[in-house]
């Protein structure tokens, strides 16, 4: 069965204009020409999301790094303050032991007299650094049976703090002691201060305060 003939193209369809080179398809939108280019594609969604996410990650990373550094410094400072707390607690125990030793017969208890100087002498020696004391510094009052020599307290390891000891009275009710640790861990000129106190009660016993008084402990 024969196919019906196609309808003839309209006049001029697919025909080149006069003077157009032979063998080339006719110009313009028509038979034999490629379709016109479509609209340009925009930026891909992945690339756009990446450009938005990178600055956010950078900002968050900077914040987290700052917090990590601060947390590390805080941890190190707290670890160093343990020295002051432990040392003062030891001085308190030694003061009680020395007070109990200072008796015989009718002789009442006696507090160890004050130390003539702190160890080290200057707080600058422990400013943003450790200080290695010598045994002689702790025994400077041995001849007068006073201070750290009377307490039988000394430190043989490098220390971050300057330690002092003072007695108020000889051992009557109301008399007491005070020991301090002074430091400047970060070297900014602001010192930290830890204070331990003890007091002789009406029953004649030397009682050490249950907690320290602390001022700017991480300085």
N, C-alpha and C. Protein backbone atom coordinates (compact mmCIF):
# COMPACT_ATOMS: atom_id res chain seq x y z
N UNK A 1 0.86 -1.19 0.00
CA UNK A 1 0.00 0.00 0.00
C UNK A 1 0.88 1.22 0.00
N UNK A 2 0.73 2.06 -0.92
CA UNK A 2 1.61 3.23 -1.08
C UNK A 2 1.28 4.28 -0.05
N UNK A 3 2.40 4.98 0.41
CA UNK A 3 2.24 6.05 1.39
C UNK A 3 1.80 7.32 0.68
N UNK A 4 1.00 8.09 1.35
CA UNK A 4 0.61 9.36 0.72
C UNK A 4 1.79 10.31 0.69
N UNK A 5 1.91 11.04 -0.33
CA UNK A 5 3.06 11.97 -0.45
C UNK A 5 3.00 13.02 0.65
N UNK A 6 4.27 13.43 1.12
CA UNK A 6 4.37 14.52 2.11
C UNK A 6 3.95 15.82 1.47
N UNK A 7 3.42 16.68 2.33
CA UNK A 7 3.05 18.02 1.82
C UNK A 7 4.31 18.77 1.51
N UNK A 8 4.35 19.49 0.43
CA UNK A 8 5.57 20.26 0.06
C UNK A 8 5.85 21.32 1.09
N UNK A 9 7.17 21.58 1.37
CA UNK A 9 7.52 22.64 2.33
C UNK A 9 7.09 23.99 1.82
N UNK A 10 6.91 24.91 2.73
CA UNK A 10 6.54 26.26 2.28
C UNK A 10 7.63 26.87 1.43
N UNK A 11 7.24 27.83 0.70
CA UNK A 11 8.19 28.48 -0.22
C UNK A 11 9.34 29.07 0.55
N UNK A 12 10.55 28.79 0.09
CA UNK A 12 11.75 29.35 0.71
C UNK A 12 12.26 28.56 1.87
N UNK A 13 11.56 27.49 2.28
CA UNK A 13 11.99 26.72 3.45
C UNK A 13 13.26 25.97 3.10
N UNK A 14 14.29 26.19 3.86
CA UNK A 14 15.55 25.48 3.65
C UNK A 14 16.33 25.93 2.45
N UNK A 15 15.94 27.02 1.81
CA UNK A 15 16.65 27.51 0.62
C UNK A 15 17.60 28.63 1.02
N UNK A 16 18.85 28.55 0.60
CA UNK A 16 19.79 29.62 0.93
C UNK A 16 19.47 30.89 0.17
N UNK A 17 19.83 32.02 0.73
CA UNK A 17 19.62 33.29 0.02
C UNK A 17 20.56 33.38 -1.17
N UNK A 18 20.26 34.27 -2.03
CA UNK A 18 21.13 34.42 -3.22
C UNK A 18 22.57 34.71 -2.79
N UNK A 19 23.52 34.06 -3.44
CA UNK A 19 24.93 34.29 -3.15
C UNK A 19 25.48 33.45 -2.02
N UNK A 20 24.62 32.65 -1.35
CA UNK A 20 25.10 31.79 -0.26
C UNK A 20 25.92 30.66 -0.85
N UNK A 21 27.08 30.30 -0.25
CA UNK A 21 27.95 29.26 -0.84
C UNK A 21 27.20 27.95 -1.03
N UNK A 22 27.54 27.31 -2.16
CA UNK A 22 26.91 26.03 -2.46
C UNK A 22 27.43 24.94 -1.53
N UNK A 23 26.59 24.00 -1.16
CA UNK A 23 26.99 22.87 -0.34
C UNK A 23 26.82 23.09 1.16
N UNK A 24 26.54 24.30 1.57
CA UNK A 24 26.31 24.60 2.99
C UNK A 24 24.83 24.62 3.29
N UNK A 25 24.47 24.19 4.51
CA UNK A 25 23.03 24.26 4.83
C UNK A 25 22.58 25.71 4.92
N UNK A 26 21.33 25.94 4.62
CA UNK A 26 20.83 27.33 4.63
C UNK A 26 20.90 27.93 6.01
N UNK A 27 21.14 29.23 6.15
CA UNK A 27 21.19 29.89 7.47
C UNK A 27 19.81 30.05 8.07
N UNK A 28 19.81 30.47 9.36
CA UNK A 28 18.55 30.72 10.04
C UNK A 28 18.01 29.47 10.66
N UNK A 29 16.98 29.59 11.41
CA UNK A 29 16.37 28.44 12.07
C UNK A 29 15.49 27.73 11.07
N UNK A 30 15.94 26.59 10.67
CA UNK A 30 15.18 25.85 9.67
C UNK A 30 15.73 24.46 9.54
N UNK A 31 15.38 23.84 8.48
CA UNK A 31 15.74 22.45 8.24
C UNK A 31 17.24 22.32 8.11
N UNK A 32 17.85 21.34 8.86
CA UNK A 32 19.28 21.08 8.75
C UNK A 32 20.12 21.89 9.72
N UNK A 33 19.56 22.77 10.53
CA UNK A 33 20.33 23.60 11.47
C UNK A 33 20.21 23.01 12.88
N UNK A 34 21.32 23.11 13.72
CA UNK A 34 21.22 22.63 15.11
C UNK A 34 20.29 23.51 15.90
N UNK A 35 19.67 22.97 16.97
CA UNK A 35 18.75 23.80 17.77
C UNK A 35 19.52 24.90 18.49
N UNK A 36 18.89 25.98 18.76
CA UNK A 36 19.57 27.09 19.46
C UNK A 36 20.02 26.64 20.84
N UNK A 37 21.13 27.20 21.33
CA UNK A 37 21.62 26.79 22.66
C UNK A 37 20.61 27.14 23.73
N UNK A 38 20.51 26.23 24.77
CA UNK A 38 19.59 26.47 25.88
C UNK A 38 20.18 27.48 26.86
N UNK A 39 19.45 27.83 27.87
CA UNK A 39 19.97 28.78 28.88
C UNK A 39 21.12 28.17 29.65
N UNK A 40 22.08 29.03 30.00
CA UNK A 40 23.25 28.57 30.76
C UNK A 40 22.82 28.06 32.13
N UNK A 41 23.45 26.94 32.54
CA UNK A 41 23.15 26.39 33.85
C UNK A 41 23.78 27.24 34.95
N UNK A 42 23.09 27.41 36.06
CA UNK A 42 23.63 28.17 37.19
C UNK A 42 24.63 27.35 37.99
N UNK A 43 25.18 27.95 39.11
CA UNK A 43 26.15 27.28 39.97
C UNK A 43 25.51 26.03 40.59
N UNK A 44 26.28 24.94 40.60
CA UNK A 44 25.74 23.69 41.13
C UNK A 44 25.42 23.86 42.61
N UNK A 45 24.44 23.09 43.09
CA UNK A 45 24.02 23.18 44.49
C UNK A 45 25.12 22.78 45.45
N UNK A 46 25.92 21.76 45.06
CA UNK A 46 27.00 21.30 45.94
C UNK A 46 28.06 22.38 46.15
N UNK A 47 28.43 23.04 45.02
CA UNK A 47 29.45 24.08 45.12
C UNK A 47 28.96 25.26 45.96
N UNK A 48 27.70 25.61 45.80
CA UNK A 48 27.13 26.72 46.57
C UNK A 48 27.13 26.38 48.06
N UNK A 49 26.71 25.14 48.37
CA UNK A 49 26.69 24.73 49.77
C UNK A 49 28.09 24.72 50.36
N UNK A 50 29.08 24.33 49.55
CA UNK A 50 30.46 24.30 50.03
C UNK A 50 30.96 25.71 50.33
N UNK A 51 30.64 26.64 49.46
CA UNK A 51 31.08 28.02 49.67
C UNK A 51 30.44 28.64 50.91
N UNK A 52 29.25 28.19 51.24
CA UNK A 52 28.58 28.70 52.44
C UNK A 52 29.13 28.02 53.69
N UNK A 53 29.41 26.71 53.58
CA UNK A 53 29.82 25.94 54.75
C UNK A 53 31.24 26.24 55.20
N UNK A 54 32.15 26.50 54.25
CA UNK A 54 33.56 26.69 54.60
C UNK A 54 33.76 27.84 55.59
N UNK A 55 33.22 29.05 55.35
CA UNK A 55 33.40 30.12 56.35
C UNK A 55 32.81 29.78 57.71
N UNK A 56 31.67 29.05 57.71
CA UNK A 56 31.07 28.67 58.99
C UNK A 56 31.99 27.73 59.76
N UNK A 57 32.56 26.75 59.04
CA UNK A 57 33.48 25.82 59.69
C UNK A 57 34.72 26.54 60.22
N UNK A 58 35.21 27.52 59.47
CA UNK A 58 36.40 28.26 59.90
C UNK A 58 36.11 29.03 61.18
N UNK A 59 34.96 29.67 61.23
CA UNK A 59 34.60 30.43 62.44
C UNK A 59 34.43 29.50 63.64
N UNK A 60 33.68 28.41 63.43
CA UNK A 60 33.48 27.46 64.52
C UNK A 60 34.79 26.82 64.96
N UNK A 61 35.67 26.53 63.98
CA UNK A 61 36.96 25.96 64.33
C UNK A 61 37.79 26.91 65.17
N UNK A 62 37.74 28.22 64.84
CA UNK A 62 38.48 29.20 65.64
C UNK A 62 37.95 29.30 67.05
N UNK A 63 36.62 29.25 67.19
CA UNK A 63 36.02 29.32 68.52
C UNK A 63 36.40 28.10 69.35
N UNK A 64 36.32 26.91 68.73
CA UNK A 64 36.66 25.69 69.45
C UNK A 64 38.13 25.66 69.84
N UNK A 65 38.99 26.16 68.94
CA UNK A 65 40.43 26.20 69.27
C UNK A 65 40.69 27.13 70.44
N UNK A 66 40.01 28.29 70.46
CA UNK A 66 40.18 29.22 71.57
C UNK A 66 39.72 28.61 72.89
N UNK A 67 38.57 27.93 72.85
CA UNK A 67 38.07 27.29 74.06
C UNK A 67 39.01 26.18 74.53
N UNK A 68 39.58 25.45 73.56
CA UNK A 68 40.50 24.37 73.93
C UNK A 68 41.76 24.92 74.60
N UNK A 69 42.29 26.02 74.05
CA UNK A 69 43.48 26.63 74.63
C UNK A 69 43.18 27.15 76.04
N UNK A 70 42.02 27.81 76.18
CA UNK A 70 41.64 28.34 77.50
C UNK A 70 41.48 27.20 78.51
N UNK A 71 40.81 26.13 78.06
CA UNK A 71 40.60 24.99 78.95
C UNK A 71 41.90 24.34 79.37
N UNK A 72 42.86 24.25 78.43
CA UNK A 72 44.15 23.65 78.75
C UNK A 72 44.90 24.49 79.77
N UNK A 73 44.91 25.81 79.55
CA UNK A 73 45.59 26.69 80.50
C UNK A 73 44.94 26.63 81.88
N UNK A 74 43.62 26.54 81.90
CA UNK A 74 42.91 26.46 83.18
C UNK A 74 43.27 25.17 83.89
N UNK A 75 43.35 24.09 83.12
CA UNK A 75 43.68 22.80 83.72
C UNK A 75 45.09 22.81 84.31
N UNK A 76 46.04 23.39 83.55
CA UNK A 76 47.42 23.45 84.03
C UNK A 76 47.52 24.31 85.29
N UNK A 77 46.81 25.46 85.28
CA UNK A 77 46.84 26.34 86.45
C UNK A 77 46.26 25.64 87.68
N UNK A 78 45.15 24.91 87.48
CA UNK A 78 44.54 24.19 88.60
C UNK A 78 45.47 23.10 89.12
N UNK A 79 46.20 22.46 88.21
CA UNK A 79 47.14 21.42 88.63
C UNK A 79 48.26 22.02 89.47
N UNK A 80 48.70 23.23 89.11
CA UNK A 80 49.76 23.88 89.88
C UNK A 80 49.27 24.33 91.26
N UNK A 81 48.02 24.77 91.34
CA UNK A 81 47.51 25.22 92.65
C UNK A 81 47.42 24.07 93.64
N UNK A 82 47.40 22.83 93.15
CA UNK A 82 47.37 21.69 94.06
C UNK A 82 48.60 21.69 94.96
N UNK A 83 49.71 22.22 94.45
CA UNK A 83 50.94 22.29 95.27
C UNK A 83 50.69 23.14 96.51
N UNK A 84 50.10 24.33 96.32
CA UNK A 84 49.86 25.24 97.44
C UNK A 84 48.91 24.61 98.46
N UNK A 85 47.85 24.00 97.98
CA UNK A 85 46.86 23.41 98.89
C UNK A 85 47.48 22.26 99.69
N UNK A 86 48.23 21.41 99.00
CA UNK A 86 48.83 20.26 99.69
C UNK A 86 49.91 20.70 100.69
N UNK A 87 50.71 21.69 100.29
CA UNK A 87 51.79 22.15 101.17
C UNK A 87 51.22 22.80 102.43
N UNK A 88 50.20 23.63 102.29
CA UNK A 88 49.60 24.28 103.46
C UNK A 88 48.92 23.26 104.37
N UNK A 89 48.30 22.27 103.76
CA UNK A 89 47.70 21.22 104.58
C UNK A 89 48.77 20.50 105.40
N UNK A 90 49.94 20.26 104.80
CA UNK A 90 51.04 19.63 105.52
C UNK A 90 51.57 20.52 106.63
N UNK A 91 51.66 21.84 106.37
CA UNK A 91 52.09 22.77 107.41
C UNK A 91 51.12 22.75 108.59
N UNK A 92 49.82 22.68 108.30
CA UNK A 92 48.82 22.60 109.37
C UNK A 92 49.00 21.36 110.22
N UNK A 93 49.22 20.23 109.57
CA UNK A 93 49.43 18.99 110.34
C UNK A 93 50.71 19.07 111.18
N UNK A 94 51.77 19.64 110.58
CA UNK A 94 53.03 19.77 111.31
C UNK A 94 52.91 20.74 112.48
N UNK A 95 52.10 21.79 112.31
CA UNK A 95 51.91 22.76 113.40
C UNK A 95 51.21 22.10 114.58
N UNK A 96 50.22 21.26 114.31
CA UNK A 96 49.51 20.56 115.38
C UNK A 96 50.46 19.59 116.08
N UNK A 97 51.24 18.85 115.26
CA UNK A 97 52.17 17.89 115.85
C UNK A 97 53.22 18.59 116.71
N UNK A 98 53.75 19.73 116.23
CA UNK A 98 54.75 20.48 117.00
C UNK A 98 54.13 21.06 118.27
N UNK A 99 52.90 21.52 118.18
CA UNK A 99 52.21 22.07 119.35
C UNK A 99 52.02 20.99 120.42
N UNK A 100 51.69 19.79 120.00
CA UNK A 100 51.52 18.70 120.95
C UNK A 100 52.86 18.27 121.56
N UNK A 101 53.94 18.41 120.77
CA UNK A 101 55.26 18.04 121.29
C UNK A 101 55.74 19.02 122.34
N UNK A 102 55.35 20.28 122.20
CA UNK A 102 55.87 21.33 123.08
C UNK A 102 55.19 21.30 124.44
N UNK A 103 55.40 20.24 125.16
CA UNK A 103 54.85 20.14 126.50
C UNK A 103 55.71 19.18 127.32
N UNK A 104 55.61 19.29 128.59
CA UNK A 104 56.35 18.40 129.47
C UNK A 104 56.06 18.78 130.90
N UNK A 105 55.51 17.88 131.65
CA UNK A 105 55.18 18.19 133.04
C UNK A 105 54.12 19.25 133.11
N UNK A 106 54.44 20.34 133.82
CA UNK A 106 53.48 21.43 133.96
C UNK A 106 53.59 22.45 132.84
N UNK A 107 54.54 22.24 131.92
CA UNK A 107 54.71 23.19 130.82
C UNK A 107 53.56 23.07 129.83
N UNK A 108 52.86 24.18 129.55
CA UNK A 108 51.73 24.10 128.62
C UNK A 108 52.21 23.93 127.18
N UNK A 109 51.26 23.66 126.31
CA UNK A 109 51.58 23.58 124.88
C UNK A 109 52.15 24.92 124.41
N UNK A 110 52.96 24.84 123.36
CA UNK A 110 53.58 26.06 122.83
C UNK A 110 53.55 26.02 121.30
N UNK A 111 53.07 27.11 120.72
CA UNK A 111 53.07 27.22 119.26
C UNK A 111 54.49 27.46 118.77
N UNK A 112 54.82 26.91 117.60
CA UNK A 112 56.11 27.24 117.00
C UNK A 112 56.14 28.72 116.68
N UNK A 113 57.17 29.45 117.12
CA UNK A 113 57.25 30.88 116.81
C UNK A 113 57.32 31.13 115.30
N UNK A 114 57.07 32.36 114.91
CA UNK A 114 57.01 32.72 113.49
C UNK A 114 58.35 32.50 112.80
N UNK A 115 58.27 32.22 111.48
CA UNK A 115 59.47 32.13 110.66
C UNK A 115 60.02 33.53 110.44
N UNK A 116 61.32 33.66 110.43
CA UNK A 116 61.92 34.99 110.26
C UNK A 116 61.85 35.48 108.82
N UNK A 117 61.65 34.57 107.88
CA UNK A 117 61.56 34.95 106.47
C UNK A 117 60.79 33.87 105.70
N UNK A 118 60.15 34.28 104.60
CA UNK A 118 59.46 33.28 103.78
C UNK A 118 60.46 32.52 102.90
N UNK A 119 60.00 31.48 102.26
CA UNK A 119 60.82 30.71 101.32
C UNK A 119 60.06 30.59 100.00
N UNK A 120 60.63 31.17 98.93
CA UNK A 120 61.84 32.00 98.89
C UNK A 120 61.58 33.38 99.48
N UNK A 121 62.65 34.14 99.64
CA UNK A 121 62.54 35.47 100.26
C UNK A 121 61.68 36.40 99.42
N UNK A 122 61.85 36.36 98.08
CA UNK A 122 61.11 37.25 97.18
C UNK A 122 60.13 36.44 96.33
N UNK A 123 58.92 36.98 96.17
CA UNK A 123 57.93 36.31 95.33
C UNK A 123 58.35 36.34 93.87
N UNK A 124 59.27 37.25 93.51
CA UNK A 124 59.76 37.29 92.13
C UNK A 124 60.44 35.99 91.73
N UNK A 125 60.91 35.25 92.71
CA UNK A 125 61.60 33.99 92.43
C UNK A 125 60.64 32.91 91.93
N UNK A 126 59.34 33.09 92.20
CA UNK A 126 58.36 32.11 91.73
C UNK A 126 57.38 32.74 90.75
N UNK A 127 57.73 33.88 90.18
CA UNK A 127 56.86 34.53 89.21
C UNK A 127 57.01 33.86 87.85
N UNK A 128 55.96 33.17 87.42
CA UNK A 128 55.92 32.47 86.12
C UNK A 128 57.03 31.45 85.98
N UNK A 129 57.48 30.88 87.08
CA UNK A 129 58.51 29.85 87.03
C UNK A 129 58.57 29.11 88.36
N UNK A 130 59.30 27.99 88.33
CA UNK A 130 59.51 27.22 89.55
C UNK A 130 60.78 27.69 90.26
N UNK A 131 60.81 27.44 91.55
CA UNK A 131 61.97 27.80 92.36
C UNK A 131 62.45 26.58 93.11
N UNK A 132 63.74 26.31 93.04
CA UNK A 132 64.31 25.20 93.78
C UNK A 132 64.96 25.73 95.06
N UNK A 133 64.33 25.45 96.18
CA UNK A 133 64.86 25.91 97.46
C UNK A 133 65.96 24.96 97.94
N UNK A 134 66.71 25.44 98.92
CA UNK A 134 67.75 24.62 99.54
C UNK A 134 67.32 24.26 100.96
N UNK A 135 67.82 23.17 101.53
CA UNK A 135 67.47 22.81 102.91
C UNK A 135 67.80 23.92 103.90
N UNK A 136 68.86 24.68 103.62
CA UNK A 136 69.26 25.75 104.53
C UNK A 136 68.19 26.82 104.67
N UNK A 137 67.41 27.06 103.61
CA UNK A 137 66.37 28.09 103.67
C UNK A 137 65.27 27.69 104.65
N UNK A 138 64.99 26.42 104.76
CA UNK A 138 63.94 25.96 105.67
C UNK A 138 64.45 25.83 107.10
N UNK A 139 65.79 25.77 107.26
CA UNK A 139 66.38 25.59 108.58
C UNK A 139 66.98 26.88 109.14
N UNK A 140 66.66 28.02 108.52
CA UNK A 140 67.28 29.27 108.93
C UNK A 140 66.96 29.63 110.39
N UNK A 141 65.82 29.17 110.94
CA UNK A 141 65.43 29.49 112.32
C UNK A 141 65.66 28.31 113.27
N UNK A 142 66.49 27.37 112.85
CA UNK A 142 66.71 26.19 113.69
C UNK A 142 67.31 26.54 115.03
N UNK A 143 68.22 27.52 115.07
CA UNK A 143 68.89 27.87 116.33
C UNK A 143 67.91 28.39 117.37
N UNK A 144 66.88 29.09 116.91
CA UNK A 144 65.89 29.63 117.86
C UNK A 144 64.66 28.73 117.98
N UNK A 145 64.73 27.57 117.36
CA UNK A 145 63.64 26.59 117.39
C UNK A 145 62.32 27.28 117.00
N UNK A 146 62.35 27.89 115.84
CA UNK A 146 61.18 28.63 115.36
C UNK A 146 60.96 28.32 113.88
N UNK A 147 59.89 28.91 113.35
CA UNK A 147 59.61 28.83 111.92
C UNK A 147 59.47 27.41 111.38
N UNK A 148 59.90 27.24 110.14
CA UNK A 148 59.76 25.94 109.48
C UNK A 148 60.63 24.87 110.14
N UNK A 149 61.73 25.27 110.74
CA UNK A 149 62.58 24.30 111.43
C UNK A 149 61.83 23.70 112.62
N UNK A 150 61.11 24.54 113.36
CA UNK A 150 60.31 24.05 114.49
C UNK A 150 59.19 23.14 113.99
N UNK A 151 58.60 23.50 112.85
CA UNK A 151 57.51 22.70 112.30
C UNK A 151 58.02 21.39 111.69
N UNK A 152 59.33 21.34 111.42
CA UNK A 152 59.91 20.19 110.71
C UNK A 152 59.30 20.07 109.31
N UNK A 153 59.12 21.24 108.67
CA UNK A 153 58.55 21.26 107.33
C UNK A 153 59.57 21.82 106.35
N UNK A 154 59.69 21.17 105.19
CA UNK A 154 60.50 21.70 104.10
C UNK A 154 60.06 21.05 102.80
N UNK A 155 60.42 21.68 101.70
CA UNK A 155 60.10 21.15 100.37
C UNK A 155 61.40 20.87 99.63
N UNK A 156 61.49 19.67 99.09
CA UNK A 156 62.71 19.32 98.37
C UNK A 156 62.52 19.35 96.85
N UNK A 157 61.30 19.64 96.41
CA UNK A 157 61.03 19.73 94.98
C UNK A 157 60.87 21.18 94.56
N UNK A 158 61.06 21.48 93.27
CA UNK A 158 60.83 22.85 92.79
C UNK A 158 59.40 23.29 93.11
N UNK A 159 59.25 24.55 93.49
CA UNK A 159 57.95 25.04 93.94
C UNK A 159 57.49 26.23 93.12
N UNK A 160 56.14 26.37 93.00
CA UNK A 160 55.54 27.49 92.29
C UNK A 160 55.15 28.63 93.23
N UNK A 161 55.26 28.40 94.55
CA UNK A 161 54.75 29.38 95.51
C UNK A 161 55.79 29.74 96.57
N UNK A 162 55.59 30.95 97.12
CA UNK A 162 56.39 31.41 98.26
C UNK A 162 55.59 31.10 99.52
N UNK A 163 56.25 30.48 100.51
CA UNK A 163 55.56 30.05 101.73
C UNK A 163 56.04 30.85 102.93
N UNK A 164 55.09 31.21 103.79
CA UNK A 164 55.42 31.91 105.02
C UNK A 164 54.61 31.30 106.17
N UNK A 165 55.12 31.53 107.38
CA UNK A 165 54.46 31.00 108.58
C UNK A 165 54.57 32.02 109.70
N UNK A 166 53.47 32.23 110.42
CA UNK A 166 53.47 33.17 111.55
C UNK A 166 52.62 32.60 112.67
N UNK A 167 53.07 32.86 113.92
CA UNK A 167 52.31 32.47 115.11
C UNK A 167 51.86 33.71 115.84
N UNK A 168 50.66 33.66 116.36
CA UNK A 168 50.09 34.78 117.12
C UNK A 168 49.89 34.30 118.56
N UNK A 169 50.82 34.66 119.42
CA UNK A 169 50.79 34.20 120.79
C UNK A 169 51.62 32.94 120.96
N UNK A 170 51.58 32.40 122.17
CA UNK A 170 52.42 31.24 122.49
C UNK A 170 51.62 29.94 122.62
N UNK A 171 50.32 30.06 122.83
CA UNK A 171 49.53 28.84 122.93
C UNK A 171 48.37 28.93 123.88
N UNK A 172 48.06 30.14 124.32
CA UNK A 172 46.89 30.31 125.19
C UNK A 172 45.62 30.26 124.33
N UNK A 173 44.49 30.09 125.00
CA UNK A 173 43.21 30.06 124.28
C UNK A 173 43.05 31.34 123.46
N UNK A 174 42.72 31.19 122.17
CA UNK A 174 42.58 32.34 121.29
C UNK A 174 43.81 32.62 120.45
N UNK A 175 44.97 32.11 120.88
CA UNK A 175 46.18 32.26 120.07
C UNK A 175 46.06 31.37 118.83
N UNK A 176 46.91 31.63 117.84
CA UNK A 176 46.79 30.82 116.63
C UNK A 176 47.97 30.97 115.70
N UNK A 177 47.83 30.37 114.54
CA UNK A 177 48.87 30.40 113.51
C UNK A 177 48.26 30.81 112.18
N UNK A 178 49.13 31.21 111.28
CA UNK A 178 48.71 31.54 109.92
C UNK A 178 49.84 31.17 108.97
N UNK A 179 49.53 30.37 107.97
CA UNK A 179 50.50 29.99 106.94
C UNK A 179 49.95 30.40 105.59
N UNK A 180 50.81 30.92 104.74
CA UNK A 180 50.35 31.41 103.44
C UNK A 180 51.22 30.87 102.31
N UNK A 181 50.60 30.81 101.13
CA UNK A 181 51.30 30.49 99.89
C UNK A 181 50.96 31.59 98.89
N UNK A 182 51.99 32.25 98.37
CA UNK A 182 51.80 33.36 97.43
C UNK A 182 52.45 33.01 96.11
N UNK A 183 51.74 33.24 95.01
CA UNK A 183 52.29 32.91 93.70
C UNK A 183 51.84 33.87 92.63
N UNK A 184 52.48 33.75 91.49
CA UNK A 184 52.11 34.51 90.29
C UNK A 184 52.38 33.60 89.10
N UNK A 185 51.48 32.66 88.88
CA UNK A 185 51.70 31.61 87.89
C UNK A 185 51.88 32.13 86.47
N UNK A 186 51.08 33.15 86.09
CA UNK A 186 51.16 33.66 84.71
C UNK A 186 52.08 34.86 84.56
N UNK A 187 52.67 35.33 85.65
CA UNK A 187 53.63 36.43 85.56
C UNK A 187 53.04 37.76 85.18
N UNK A 188 51.74 37.98 85.43
CA UNK A 188 51.12 39.25 85.04
C UNK A 188 51.15 40.30 86.16
N UNK A 189 51.80 39.99 87.27
CA UNK A 189 51.90 40.96 88.36
C UNK A 189 50.79 40.84 89.39
N UNK A 190 49.73 40.08 89.09
CA UNK A 190 48.65 39.85 90.05
C UNK A 190 48.93 38.54 90.77
N UNK A 191 49.07 38.60 92.08
CA UNK A 191 49.45 37.41 92.83
C UNK A 191 48.22 36.67 93.37
N UNK A 192 48.40 35.38 93.51
CA UNK A 192 47.39 34.55 94.17
C UNK A 192 47.82 34.36 95.62
N UNK A 193 46.85 34.14 96.49
CA UNK A 193 47.16 33.98 97.91
C UNK A 193 46.28 32.89 98.51
N UNK A 194 46.92 31.93 99.13
CA UNK A 194 46.23 30.85 99.86
C UNK A 194 46.59 31.01 101.34
N UNK A 195 45.61 31.00 102.21
CA UNK A 195 45.85 31.22 103.63
C UNK A 195 45.24 30.09 104.46
N UNK A 196 46.06 29.54 105.34
CA UNK A 196 45.62 28.52 106.28
C UNK A 196 45.72 29.09 107.69
N UNK A 197 44.70 28.91 108.49
CA UNK A 197 44.72 29.42 109.87
C UNK A 197 44.43 28.29 110.85
N UNK A 198 44.87 28.50 112.07
CA UNK A 198 44.61 27.58 113.15
C UNK A 198 44.44 28.36 114.45
N UNK A 199 43.68 27.84 115.36
CA UNK A 199 43.39 28.57 116.60
C UNK A 199 43.35 27.61 117.78
N UNK A 200 43.89 28.09 118.91
CA UNK A 200 43.86 27.30 120.14
C UNK A 200 42.51 27.51 120.81
N UNK A 201 41.80 26.42 121.09
CA UNK A 201 40.49 26.51 121.71
C UNK A 201 40.57 26.57 123.22
N UNK A 202 39.40 26.67 123.83
CA UNK A 202 39.32 26.75 125.29
C UNK A 202 39.84 25.48 125.96
N UNK A 203 39.80 24.38 125.23
CA UNK A 203 40.29 23.12 125.81
C UNK A 203 41.80 22.95 125.65
N UNK A 204 42.45 23.97 125.04
CA UNK A 204 43.89 23.93 124.88
C UNK A 204 44.38 23.22 123.63
N UNK A 205 43.46 22.77 122.77
CA UNK A 205 43.86 22.07 121.54
C UNK A 205 43.98 23.07 120.39
N UNK A 206 44.98 22.85 119.55
CA UNK A 206 45.15 23.67 118.34
C UNK A 206 44.30 23.06 117.23
N UNK A 207 43.34 23.82 116.75
CA UNK A 207 42.41 23.34 115.71
C UNK A 207 42.69 24.10 114.42
N UNK A 208 42.95 23.36 113.36
CA UNK A 208 43.21 23.96 112.05
C UNK A 208 41.89 24.16 111.32
N UNK A 209 41.74 25.29 110.65
CA UNK A 209 40.52 25.57 109.90
C UNK A 209 40.30 24.50 108.84
N UNK A 210 39.05 24.09 108.60
CA UNK A 210 38.78 23.00 107.67
C UNK A 210 39.04 23.33 106.21
N UNK A 211 39.13 24.60 105.88
CA UNK A 211 39.36 24.98 104.49
C UNK A 211 40.27 26.19 104.41
N UNK A 212 40.87 26.37 103.25
CA UNK A 212 41.76 27.51 103.01
C UNK A 212 40.95 28.73 102.58
N UNK A 213 41.52 29.89 102.81
CA UNK A 213 40.98 31.11 102.23
C UNK A 213 41.81 31.39 100.98
N UNK A 214 41.15 31.47 99.81
CA UNK A 214 41.87 31.60 98.55
C UNK A 214 41.49 32.91 97.86
N UNK A 215 42.53 33.58 97.34
CA UNK A 215 42.30 34.82 96.58
C UNK A 215 43.00 34.68 95.23
N UNK A 216 42.23 34.81 94.15
CA UNK A 216 42.77 34.68 92.79
C UNK A 216 43.65 33.43 92.65
N UNK A 217 43.11 32.26 92.93
CA UNK A 217 43.95 31.06 92.99
C UNK A 217 44.67 30.70 91.71
N UNK A 218 44.14 31.06 90.54
CA UNK A 218 44.80 30.67 89.29
C UNK A 218 45.70 31.75 88.71
N UNK A 219 45.92 32.83 89.45
CA UNK A 219 46.80 33.89 88.96
C UNK A 219 48.26 33.46 89.07
